[in-house]
Amino acid sequence: MPLWVFFVLLTLTSGSHCSLPPSPPFRVRRHADAIFTSSYRRVLGQLYARKLLHEIMNRQQGERNQEQRSRFNRHLDRVWAEDKQMALESILQGFPRMKLSAEA
């Protein structure tokens, strides 16, 4: 093998190693990481927004339930007060009869 062929082969093989810069794989890796990171942040943002929406809806539902409970409790108090009043009136109406029957 002539010497010049050896030098050409040596130059081509050594040149091919030196001509490929190490930056493209690094850039590709960084690009893939950036895509993953942005997608991950978007998903986290959606999850946070969904959680916040559920909390707001539950809070509003809780306020409605509390309003309904307080309305129901007021109604119950009114019913109990009426029943208590009716029971007292019936007891008071029974007292004069008891006095009349005791005197007779």
PDB file of N, CA and C in Angstrom:
ATOM      1  N   MET A   1       0.846  -1.158   0.000  1.00  0.00           N
ATOM      2  CA  MET A   1       0.000   0.000   0.000  1.00  0.00           C
ATOM      3  C   MET A   1       0.894   1.222   0.000  1.00  0.00           C
ATOM      4  N   PRO A   2       0.633   2.094  -0.941  1.00  0.00           N
ATOM      5  CA  PRO A   2       1.473   3.283  -1.003  1.00  0.00           C
ATOM      6  C   PRO A   2       1.262   4.147   0.224  1.00  0.00           C
ATOM      7  N   LEU A   3       2.226   4.903   0.515  1.00  0.00           N
ATOM      8  CA  LEU A   3       2.223   5.744   1.702  1.00  0.00           C
ATOM      9  C   LEU A   3       1.171   6.834   1.629  1.00  0.00           C
ATOM     10  N   TRP A   4       0.948   7.373   0.458  1.00  0.00           N
ATOM     11  CA  TRP A   4      -0.042   8.455   0.338  1.00  0.00           C
ATOM     12  C   TRP A   4      -1.451   7.951   0.590  1.00  0.00           C
ATOM     13  N   VAL A   5      -1.752   6.689   0.244  1.00  0.00           N
ATOM     14  CA  VAL A   5      -3.074   6.112   0.521  1.00  0.00           C
ATOM     15  C   VAL A   5      -3.262   5.994   2.033  1.00  0.00           C
ATOM     16  N   PHE A   6      -2.236   5.600   2.704  1.00  0.00           N
ATOM     17  CA  PHE A   6      -2.272   5.497   4.155  1.00  0.00           C
ATOM     18  C   PHE A   6      -2.573   6.852   4.783  1.00  0.00           C
ATOM     19  N   PHE A   7      -1.908   7.915   4.294  1.00  0.00           N
ATOM     20  CA  PHE A   7      -2.144   9.267   4.821  1.00  0.00           C
ATOM     21  C   PHE A   7      -3.562   9.758   4.502  1.00  0.00           C
ATOM     22  N   VAL A   8      -4.059   9.418   3.326  1.00  0.00           N
ATOM     23  CA  VAL A   8      -5.428   9.816   2.956  1.00  0.00           C
ATOM     24  C   VAL A   8      -6.421   9.126   3.870  1.00  0.00           C
ATOM     25  N   LEU A   9      -6.221   7.843   4.074  1.00  0.00           N
ATOM     26  CA  LEU A   9      -7.115   7.110   4.966  1.00  0.00           C
ATOM     27  C   LEU A   9      -7.016   7.639   6.395  1.00  0.00           C
ATOM     28  N   LEU A  10      -5.833   7.909   6.830  1.00  0.00           N
ATOM     29  CA  LEU A  10      -5.640   8.454   8.172  1.00  0.00           C
ATOM     30  C   LEU A  10      -6.300   9.814   8.303  1.00  0.00           C
ATOM     31  N   THR A  11      -6.180  10.643   7.292  1.00  0.00           N
ATOM     32  CA  THR A  11      -6.773  11.974   7.309  1.00  0.00           C
ATOM     33  C   THR A  11      -8.293  11.881   7.292  1.00  0.00           C
ATOM     34  N   LEU A  12      -8.827  10.989   6.476  1.00  0.00           N
ATOM     35  CA  LEU A  12     -10.282  10.843   6.406  1.00  0.00           C
ATOM     36  C   LEU A  12     -10.852  10.300   7.709  1.00  0.00           C
ATOM     37  N   THR A  13     -10.211   9.340   8.263  1.00  0.00           N
ATOM     38  CA  THR A  13     -10.722   8.768   9.505  1.00  0.00           C
ATOM     39  C   THR A  13     -10.568   9.734  10.662  1.00  0.00           C
ATOM     40  N   SER A  14      -9.451  10.409  10.758  1.00  0.00           N
ATOM     41  CA  SER A  14      -9.272  11.368  11.841  1.00  0.00           C
ATOM     42  C   SER A  14     -10.128  12.604  11.603  1.00  0.00           C
ATOM     43  N   GLY A  15     -10.295  12.998  10.334  1.00  0.00           N
ATOM     44  CA  GLY A  15     -11.124  14.149  10.001  1.00  0.00           C
ATOM     45  C   GLY A  15     -12.586  13.879  10.292  1.00  0.00           C
ATOM     46  N   SER A  16     -13.031  12.650  10.076  1.00  0.00           N
ATOM     47  CA  SER A  16     -14.431  12.336  10.323  1.00  0.00           C
ATOM     48  C   SER A  16     -14.733  12.409  11.823  1.00  0.00           C
ATOM     49  N   HIS A  17     -13.763  12.060  12.652  1.00  0.00           N
ATOM     50  CA  HIS A  17     -13.989  12.165  14.100  1.00  0.00           C
ATOM     51  C   HIS A  17     -14.014  13.613  14.546  1.00  0.00           C
ATOM     52  N   CYS A  18     -13.176  14.410  13.933  1.00  0.00           N
ATOM     53  CA  CYS A  18     -13.101  15.804  14.342  1.00  0.00           C
ATOM     54  C   CYS A  18     -14.204  16.641  13.723  1.00  0.00           C
ATOM     55  N   SER A  19     -14.755  16.220  12.592  1.00  0.00           N
ATOM     56  CA  SER A  19     -15.750  17.046  11.924  1.00  0.00           C
ATOM     57  C   SER A  19     -17.119  16.962  12.596  1.00  0.00           C
ATOM     58  N   LEU A  20     -17.385  15.914  13.341  1.00  0.00           N
ATOM     59  CA  LEU A  20     -18.675  15.807  14.027  1.00  0.00           C
ATOM     60  C   LEU A  20     -18.588  16.506  15.385  1.00  0.00           C
ATOM     61  N   PRO A  21     -19.215  17.627  15.495  1.00  0.00           N
ATOM     62  CA  PRO A  21     -19.173  18.319  16.789  1.00  0.00           C
ATOM     63  C   PRO A  21     -20.095  17.620  17.799  1.00  0.00           C
ATOM     64  N   PRO A  22     -19.739  17.641  19.050  1.00  0.00           N
ATOM     65  CA  PRO A  22     -20.554  16.967  20.055  1.00  0.00           C
ATOM     66  C   PRO A  22     -21.826  17.748  20.412  1.00  0.00           C
ATOM     67  N   SER A  23     -22.005  18.926  19.855  1.00  0.00           N
ATOM     68  CA  SER A  23     -23.149  19.747  20.258  1.00  0.00           C
ATOM     69  C   SER A  23     -24.506  19.263  19.739  1.00  0.00           C
ATOM     70  N   PRO A  24     -24.640  18.697  18.513  1.00  0.00           N
ATOM     71  CA  PRO A  24     -25.997  18.306  18.094  1.00  0.00           C
ATOM     72  C   PRO A  24     -26.676  17.297  19.027  1.00  0.00           C
ATOM     73  N   PRO A  25     -26.012  16.244  19.484  1.00  0.00           N
ATOM     74  CA  PRO A  25     -26.721  15.363  20.427  1.00  0.00           C
ATOM     75  C   PRO A  25     -27.104  16.096  21.709  1.00  0.00           C
ATOM     76  N   PHE A  26     -26.232  16.985  22.170  1.00  0.00           N
ATOM     77  CA  PHE A  26     -26.548  17.746  23.375  1.00  0.00           C
ATOM     78  C   PHE A  26     -27.761  18.640  23.140  1.00  0.00           C
ATOM     79  N   ARG A  27     -27.796  19.278  21.949  1.00  0.00           N
ATOM     80  CA  ARG A  27     -28.938  20.141  21.624  1.00  0.00           C
ATOM     81  C   ARG A  27     -30.217  19.336  21.512  1.00  0.00           C
ATOM     82  N   VAL A  28     -30.127  18.183  20.879  1.00  0.00           N
ATOM     83  CA  VAL A  28     -31.313  17.332  20.728  1.00  0.00           C
ATOM     84  C   VAL A  28     -31.817  16.917  22.107  1.00  0.00           C
ATOM     85  N   ARG A  29     -30.888  16.560  22.986  1.00  0.00           N
ATOM     86  CA  ARG A  29     -31.262  16.169  24.336  1.00  0.00           C
ATOM     87  C   ARG A  29     -31.914  17.340  25.079  1.00  0.00           C
ATOM     88  N   ARG A  30     -31.325  18.522  24.947  1.00  0.00           N
ATOM     89  CA  ARG A  30     -31.883  19.706  25.596  1.00  0.00           C
ATOM     90  C   ARG A  30     -33.252  20.029  25.033  1.00  0.00           C
ATOM     91  N   HIS A  31     -33.410  19.867  23.729  1.00  0.00           N
ATOM     92  CA  HIS A  31     -34.695  20.133  23.088  1.00  0.00           C
ATOM     93  C   HIS A  31     -35.760  19.164  23.604  1.00  0.00           C
ATOM     94  N   ALA A  32     -35.395  17.884  23.712  1.00  0.00           N
ATOM     95  CA  ALA A  32     -36.337  16.892  24.235  1.00  0.00           C
ATOM     96  C   ALA A  32     -36.691  17.203  25.683  1.00  0.00           C
ATOM     97  N   ASP A  33     -35.710  17.606  26.470  1.00  0.00           N
ATOM     98  CA  ASP A  33     -35.976  17.982  27.860  1.00  0.00           C
ATOM     99  C   ASP A  33     -36.903  19.184  27.941  1.00  0.00           C
ATOM    100  N   ALA A  34     -36.697  20.138  27.063  1.00  0.00           N
ATOM    101  CA  ALA A  34     -37.556  21.337  27.062  1.00  0.00           C
ATOM    102  C   ALA A  34     -38.983  20.985  26.692  1.00  0.00           C
ATOM    103  N   ILE A  35     -39.142  20.108  25.716  1.00  0.00           N
ATOM    104  CA  ILE A  35     -40.491  19.677  25.323  1.00  0.00           C
ATOM    105  C   ILE A  35     -41.171  18.974  26.489  1.00  0.00           C
ATOM    106  N   PHE A  36     -40.445  18.065  27.137  1.00  0.00           N
ATOM    107  CA  PHE A  36     -41.012  17.355  28.288  1.00  0.00           C
ATOM    108  C   PHE A  36     -41.372  18.328  29.400  1.00  0.00           C
ATOM    109  N   THR A  37     -40.475  19.252  29.704  1.00  0.00           N
ATOM    110  CA  THR A  37     -40.703  20.191  30.791  1.00  0.00           C
ATOM    111  C   THR A  37     -41.916  21.074  30.507  1.00  0.00           C
ATOM    112  N   SER A  38     -42.028  21.584  29.298  1.00  0.00           N
ATOM    113  CA  SER A  38     -43.167  22.448  28.982  1.00  0.00           C
ATOM    114  C   SER A  38     -44.466  21.653  29.004  1.00  0.00           C
ATOM    115  N   SER A  39     -44.438  20.428  28.502  1.00  0.00           N
ATOM    116  CA  SER A  39     -45.644  19.594  28.545  1.00  0.00           C
ATOM    117  C   SER A  39     -46.021  19.267  29.990  1.00  0.00           C
ATOM    118  N   TYR A  40     -45.029  18.955  30.781  1.00  0.00           N
ATOM    119  CA  TYR A  40     -45.269  18.625  32.185  1.00  0.00           C
ATOM    120  C   TYR A  40     -45.852  19.821  32.933  1.00  0.00           C
ATOM    121  N   ARG A  41     -45.303  21.001  32.679  1.00  0.00           N
ATOM    122  CA  ARG A  41     -45.832  22.211  33.326  1.00  0.00           C
ATOM    123  C   ARG A  41     -47.253  22.504  32.873  1.00  0.00           C
ATOM    124  N   ARG A  42     -47.545  22.266  31.617  1.00  0.00           N
ATOM    125  CA  ARG A  42     -48.898  22.486  31.114  1.00  0.00           C
ATOM    126  C   ARG A  42     -49.879  21.541  31.813  1.00  0.00           C
ATOM    127  N   VAL A  43     -49.494  20.271  31.953  1.00  0.00           N
ATOM    128  CA  VAL A  43     -50.355  19.306  32.640  1.00  0.00           C
ATOM    129  C   VAL A  43     -50.533  19.706  34.107  1.00  0.00           C
ATOM    130  N   LEU A  44     -49.461  20.114  34.756  1.00  0.00           N
ATOM    131  CA  LEU A  44     -49.585  20.560  36.146  1.00  0.00           C
ATOM    132  C   LEU A  44     -50.494  21.776  36.261  1.00  0.00           C
ATOM    133  N   GLY A  45     -50.393  22.696  35.311  1.00  0.00           N
ATOM    134  CA  GLY A  45     -51.265  23.866  35.311  1.00  0.00           C
ATOM    135  C   GLY A  45     -52.722  23.484  35.140  1.00  0.00           C
ATOM    136  N   GLN A  46     -52.997  22.519  34.260  1.00  0.00           N
ATOM    137  CA  GLN A  46     -54.367  22.059  34.067  1.00  0.00           C
ATOM    138  C   GLN A  46     -54.900  21.382  35.323  1.00  0.00           C
ATOM    139  N   LEU A  47     -54.061  20.575  35.961  1.00  0.00           N
ATOM    140  CA  LEU A  47     -54.487  19.920  37.197  1.00  0.00           C
ATOM    141  C   LEU A  47     -54.774  20.939  38.296  1.00  0.00           C
ATOM    142  N   TYR A  48     -53.928  21.958  38.391  1.00  0.00           N
ATOM    143  CA  TYR A  48     -54.136  23.002  39.392  1.00  0.00           C
ATOM    144  C   TYR A  48     -55.428  23.761  39.115  1.00  0.00           C
ATOM    145  N   ALA A  49     -55.675  24.080  37.837  1.00  0.00           N
ATOM    146  CA  ALA A  49     -56.898  24.801  37.478  1.00  0.00           C
ATOM    147  C   ALA A  49     -58.127  23.957  37.777  1.00  0.00           C
ATOM    148  N   ARG A  50     -58.060  22.676  37.493  1.00  0.00           N
ATOM    149  CA  ARG A  50     -59.187  21.785  37.778  1.00  0.00           C
ATOM    150  C   ARG A  50     -59.442  21.695  39.278  1.00  0.00           C
ATOM    151  N   LYS A  51     -58.376  21.570  40.056  1.00  0.00           N
ATOM    152  CA  LYS A  51     -58.512  21.502  41.510  1.00  0.00           C
ATOM    153  C   LYS A  51     -59.119  22.793  42.060  1.00  0.00           C
ATOM    154  N   LEU A  52     -58.655  23.919  41.552  1.00  0.00           N
ATOM    155  CA  LEU A  52     -59.170  25.209  41.989  1.00  0.00           C
ATOM    156  C   LEU A  52     -60.647  25.347  41.640  1.00  0.00           C
ATOM    157  N   LEU A  53     -61.029  24.906  40.449  1.00  0.00           N
ATOM    158  CA  LEU A  53     -62.424  24.971  40.028  1.00  0.00           C
ATOM    159  C   LEU A  53     -63.297  24.100  40.923  1.00  0.00           C
ATOM    160  N   HIS A  54     -62.819  22.900  41.250  1.00  0.00           N
ATOM    161  CA  HIS A  54     -63.576  22.021  42.149  1.00  0.00           C
ATOM    162  C   HIS A  54     -63.738  22.649  43.525  1.00  0.00           C
ATOM    163  N   GLU A  55     -62.680  23.275  44.036  1.00  0.00           N
ATOM    164  CA  GLU A  55     -62.772  23.924  45.347  1.00  0.00           C
ATOM    165  C   GLU A  55     -63.788  25.051  45.333  1.00  0.00           C
ATOM    166  N   ILE A  56     -63.791  25.852  44.256  1.00  0.00           N
ATOM    167  CA  ILE A  56     -64.757  26.944  44.155  1.00  0.00           C
ATOM    168  C   ILE A  56     -66.181  26.393  44.079  1.00  0.00           C
ATOM    169  N   MET A  57     -66.365  25.354  43.279  1.00  0.00           N
ATOM    170  CA  MET A  57     -67.700  24.767  43.156  1.00  0.00           C
ATOM    171  C   MET A  57     -68.159  24.151  44.476  1.00  0.00           C
ATOM    172  N   ASN A  58     -67.260  23.466  45.166  1.00  0.00           N
ATOM    173  CA  ASN A  58     -67.617  22.874  46.458  1.00  0.00           C
ATOM    174  C   ASN A  58     -67.938  23.949  47.479  1.00  0.00           C
ATOM    175  N   ARG A  59     -67.187  25.055  47.449  1.00  0.00           N
ATOM    176  CA  ARG A  59     -67.442  26.152  48.380  1.00  0.00           C
ATOM    177  C   ARG A  59     -68.824  26.752  48.119  1.00  0.00           C
ATOM    178  N   GLN A  60     -69.158  26.963  46.835  1.00  0.00           N
ATOM    179  CA  GLN A  60     -70.470  27.500  46.497  1.00  0.00           C
ATOM    180  C   GLN A  60     -71.570  26.523  46.885  1.00  0.00           C
ATOM    181  N   GLN A  61     -71.347  25.237  46.635  1.00  0.00           N
ATOM    182  CA  GLN A  61     -72.324  24.216  47.006  1.00  0.00           C
ATOM    183  C   GLN A  61     -72.470  24.164  48.523  1.00  0.00           C
ATOM    184  N   GLY A  62     -71.359  24.315  49.232  1.00  0.00           N
ATOM    185  CA  GLY A  62     -71.411  24.327  50.691  1.00  0.00           C
ATOM    186  C   GLY A  62     -72.190  25.517  51.225  1.00  0.00           C
ATOM    187  N   GLU A  63     -72.011  26.673  50.573  1.00  0.00           N
ATOM    188  CA  GLU A  63     -72.763  27.850  50.991  1.00  0.00           C
ATOM    189  C   GLU A  63     -74.253  27.649  50.749  1.00  0.00           C
ATOM    190  N   ARG A  64     -74.601  27.039  49.604  1.00  0.00           N
ATOM    191  CA  ARG A  64     -76.012  26.757  49.327  1.00  0.00           C
ATOM    192  C   ARG A  64     -76.562  25.771  50.342  1.00  0.00           C
ATOM    193  N   ASN A  65     -75.794  24.724  50.638  1.00  0.00           N
ATOM    194  CA  ASN A  65     -76.247  23.741  51.618  1.00  0.00           C
ATOM    195  C   ASN A  65     -76.407  24.372  52.987  1.00  0.00           C
ATOM    196  N   GLN A  66     -75.475  25.251  53.359  1.00  0.00           N
ATOM    197  CA  GLN A  66     -75.556  25.908  54.654  1.00  0.00           C
ATOM    198  C   GLN A  66     -76.789  26.808  54.706  1.00  0.00           C
ATOM    199  N   GLU A  67     -77.081  27.496  53.615  1.00  0.00           N
ATOM    200  CA  GLU A  67     -78.270  28.352  53.563  1.00  0.00           C
ATOM    201  C   GLU A  67     -79.531  27.503  53.686  1.00  0.00           C
ATOM    202  N   GLN A  68     -79.556  26.368  52.990  1.00  0.00           N
ATOM    203  CA  GLN A  68     -80.713  25.477  53.072  1.00  0.00           C
ATOM    204  C   GLN A  68     -80.845  24.905  54.474  1.00  0.00           C
ATOM    205  N   ARG A  69     -79.718  24.543  55.093  1.00  0.00           N
ATOM    206  CA  ARG A  69     -79.770  24.020  56.460  1.00  0.00           C
ATOM    207  C   ARG A  69     -80.285  25.061  57.429  1.00  0.00           C
ATOM    208  N   SER A  70     -79.808  26.303  57.300  1.00  0.00           N
ATOM    209  CA  SER A  70     -80.262  27.343  58.225  1.00  0.00           C
ATOM    210  C   SER A  70     -81.739  27.638  58.004  1.00  0.00           C
ATOM    211  N   ARG A  71     -82.192  27.617  56.739  1.00  0.00           N
ATOM    212  CA  ARG A  71     -83.618  27.808  56.460  1.00  0.00           C
ATOM    213  C   ARG A  71     -84.436  26.666  57.064  1.00  0.00           C
ATOM    214  N   PHE A  72     -83.944  25.441  56.919  1.00  0.00           N
ATOM    215  CA  PHE A  72     -84.631  24.280  57.482  1.00  0.00           C
ATOM    216  C   PHE A  72     -84.651  24.355  59.006  1.00  0.00           C
ATOM    217  N   ASN A  73     -83.524  24.774  59.606  1.00  0.00           N
ATOM    218  CA  ASN A  73     -83.472  24.894  61.065  1.00  0.00           C
ATOM    219  C   ASN A  73     -84.437  25.957  61.571  1.00  0.00           C
ATOM    220  N   ARG A  74     -84.544  27.075  60.856  1.00  0.00           N
ATOM    221  CA  ARG A  74     -85.512  28.108  61.248  1.00  0.00           C
ATOM    222  C   ARG A  74     -86.928  27.565  61.167  1.00  0.00           C
ATOM    223  N   HIS A  75     -87.197  26.802  60.104  1.00  0.00           N
ATOM    224  CA  HIS A  75     -88.525  26.199  59.960  1.00  0.00           C
ATOM    225  C   HIS A  75     -88.793  25.212  61.097  1.00  0.00           C
ATOM    226  N   LEU A  76     -87.790  24.392  61.406  1.00  0.00           N
ATOM    227  CA  LEU A  76     -87.954  23.445  62.517  1.00  0.00           C
ATOM    228  C   LEU A  76     -88.195  24.162  63.840  1.00  0.00           C
ATOM    229  N   ASP A  77     -87.440  25.234  64.071  1.00  0.00           N
ATOM    230  CA  ASP A  77     -87.630  26.005  65.301  1.00  0.00           C
ATOM    231  C   ASP A  77     -89.044  26.560  65.370  1.00  0.00           C
ATOM    232  N   ARG A  78     -89.556  27.057  64.242  1.00  0.00           N
ATOM    233  CA  ARG A  78     -90.904  27.595  64.198  1.00  0.00           C
ATOM    234  C   ARG A  78     -91.935  26.500  64.485  1.00  0.00           C
ATOM    235  N   VAL A  79     -91.731  25.314  63.878  1.00  0.00           N
ATOM    236  CA  VAL A  79     -92.648  24.195  64.095  1.00  0.00           C
ATOM    237  C   VAL A  79     -92.612  23.755  65.555  1.00  0.00           C
ATOM    238  N   TRP A  80     -91.389  23.654  66.120  1.00  0.00           N
ATOM    239  CA  TRP A  80     -91.269  23.253  67.518  1.00  0.00           C
ATOM    240  C   TRP A  80     -91.912  24.288  68.435  1.00  0.00           C
ATOM    241  N   ALA A  81     -91.737  25.550  68.121  1.00  0.00           N
ATOM    242  CA  ALA A  81     -92.340  26.601  68.940  1.00  0.00           C
ATOM    243  C   ALA A  81     -93.859  26.517  68.868  1.00  0.00           C
ATOM    244  N   GLU A  82     -94.420  26.288  67.691  1.00  0.00           N
ATOM    245  CA  GLU A  82     -95.869  26.144  67.551  1.00  0.00           C
ATOM    246  C   GLU A  82     -96.372  24.926  68.313  1.00  0.00           C
ATOM    247  N   ASP A  83     -95.651  23.804  68.187  1.00  0.00           N
ATOM    248  CA  ASP A  83     -96.052  22.592  68.908  1.00  0.00           C
ATOM    249  C   ASP A  83     -95.988  22.805  70.412  1.00  0.00           C
ATOM    250  N   LYS A  84     -94.921  23.478  70.862  1.00  0.00           N
ATOM    251  CA  LYS A  84     -94.776  23.750  72.287  1.00  0.00           C
ATOM    252  C   LYS A  84     -95.914  24.649  72.773  1.00  0.00           C
ATOM    253  N   GLN A  85     -96.246  25.642  71.973  1.00  0.00           N
ATOM    254  CA  GLN A  85     -97.333  26.550  72.327  1.00  0.00           C
ATOM    255  C   GLN A  85     -98.655  25.797  72.397  1.00  0.00           C
ATOM    256  N   MET A  86     -98.896  24.937  71.427  1.00  0.00           N
ATOM    257  CA  MET A  86    -100.134  24.155  71.428  1.00  0.00           C
ATOM    258  C   MET A  86    -100.176  23.217  72.622  1.00  0.00           C
ATOM    259  N   ALA A  87     -99.052  22.602  72.967  1.00  0.00           N
ATOM    260  CA  ALA A  87     -99.013  21.703  74.117  1.00  0.00           C
ATOM    261  C   ALA A  87     -99.266  22.483  75.400  1.00  0.00           C
ATOM    262  N   LEU A  88     -98.677  23.662  75.536  1.00  0.00           N
ATOM    263  CA  LEU A  88     -98.917  24.476  76.736  1.00  0.00           C
ATOM    264  C   LEU A  88    -100.367  24.911  76.825  1.00  0.00           C
ATOM    265  N   GLU A  89    -100.948  25.301  75.684  1.00  0.00           N
ATOM    266  CA  GLU A  89    -102.355  25.709  75.689  1.00  0.00           C
ATOM    267  C   GLU A  89    -103.259  24.555  76.089  1.00  0.00           C
ATOM    268  N   SER A  90    -102.956  23.362  75.575  1.00  0.00           N
ATOM    269  CA  SER A  90    -103.794  22.212  75.937  1.00  0.00           C
ATOM    270  C   SER A  90    -103.634  21.863  77.414  1.00  0.00           C
ATOM    271  N   ILE A  91    -102.423  22.013  77.943  1.00  0.00           N
ATOM    272  CA  ILE A  91    -102.210  21.753  79.371  1.00  0.00           C
ATOM    273  C   ILE A  91    -102.955  22.783  80.198  1.00  0.00           C
ATOM    274  N   LEU A  92    -102.844  24.055  79.790  1.00  0.00           N
ATOM    275  CA  LEU A  92    -103.532  25.112  80.524  1.00  0.00           C
ATOM    276  C   LEU A  92    -105.047  24.966  80.429  1.00  0.00           C
ATOM    277  N   GLN A  93    -105.559  24.484  79.330  1.00  0.00           N
ATOM    278  CA  GLN A  93    -106.998  24.257  79.201  1.00  0.00           C
ATOM    279  C   GLN A  93    -107.430  23.100  80.078  1.00  0.00           C
ATOM    280  N   GLY A  94    -106.549  22.160  80.337  1.00  0.00           N
ATOM    281  CA  GLY A  94    -106.884  21.014  81.171  1.00  0.00           C
ATOM    282  C   GLY A  94    -106.915  21.339  82.652  1.00  0.00           C
ATOM    283  N   PHE A  95    -106.210  22.379  83.099  1.00  0.00           N
ATOM    284  CA  PHE A  95    -106.173  22.717  84.518  1.00  0.00           C
ATOM    285  C   PHE A  95    -107.535  23.121  85.073  1.00  0.00           C
ATOM    286  N   PRO A  96    -108.292  23.978  84.438  1.00  0.00           N
ATOM    287  CA  PRO A  96    -109.590  24.339  85.023  1.00  0.00           C
ATOM    288  C   PRO A  96    -110.498  23.125  85.140  1.00  0.00           C
ATOM    289  N   ARG A  97    -110.464  22.221  84.207  1.00  0.00           N
ATOM    290  CA  ARG A  97    -111.278  21.025  84.297  1.00  0.00           C
ATOM    291  C   ARG A  97    -110.903  20.188  85.495  1.00  0.00           C
ATOM    292  N   MET A  98    -109.604  20.135  85.743  1.00  0.00           N
ATOM    293  CA  MET A  98    -109.140  19.349  86.887  1.00  0.00           C
ATOM    294  C   MET A  98    -109.632  19.980  88.183  1.00  0.00           C
ATOM    295  N   LYS A  99    -109.660  21.326  88.240  1.00  0.00           N
ATOM    296  CA  LYS A  99    -110.142  21.988  89.458  1.00  0.00           C
ATOM    297  C   LYS A  99    -111.638  21.735  89.620  1.00  0.00           C
ATOM    298  N   LEU A 100    -112.383  21.787  88.513  1.00  0.00           N
ATOM    299  CA  LEU A 100    -113.810  21.569  88.604  1.00  0.00           C
ATOM    300  C   LEU A 100    -114.118  20.139  89.034  1.00  0.00           C
ATOM    301  N   SER A 101    -113.384  19.198  88.495  1.00  0.00           N
ATOM    302  CA  SER A 101    -113.633  17.792  88.849  1.00  0.00           C
ATOM    303  C   SER A 101    -113.185  17.515  90.275  1.00  0.00           C
ATOM    304  N   ALA A 102    -112.144  18.216  90.763  1.00  0.00           N
ATOM    305  CA  ALA A 102    -111.680  18.022  92.130  1.00  0.00           C
ATOM    306  C   ALA A 102    -112.681  18.629  93.105  1.00  0.00           C
ATOM    307  N   GLU A 103    -113.341  19.733  92.762  1.00  0.00           N
ATOM    308  CA  GLU A 103    -114.313  20.364  93.650  1.00  0.00           C
ATOM    309  C   GLU A 103    -115.606  19.572  93.684  1.00  0.00           C
ATOM    310  N   ALA A 104    -115.913  18.874  92.668  1.00  0.00           N
ATOM    311  CA  ALA A 104    -117.183  18.167  92.643  1.00  0.00           C
ATOM    312  C   ALA A 104    -117.156  16.901  93.377  1.00  0.00           C
TER     313      ALA A 104
END
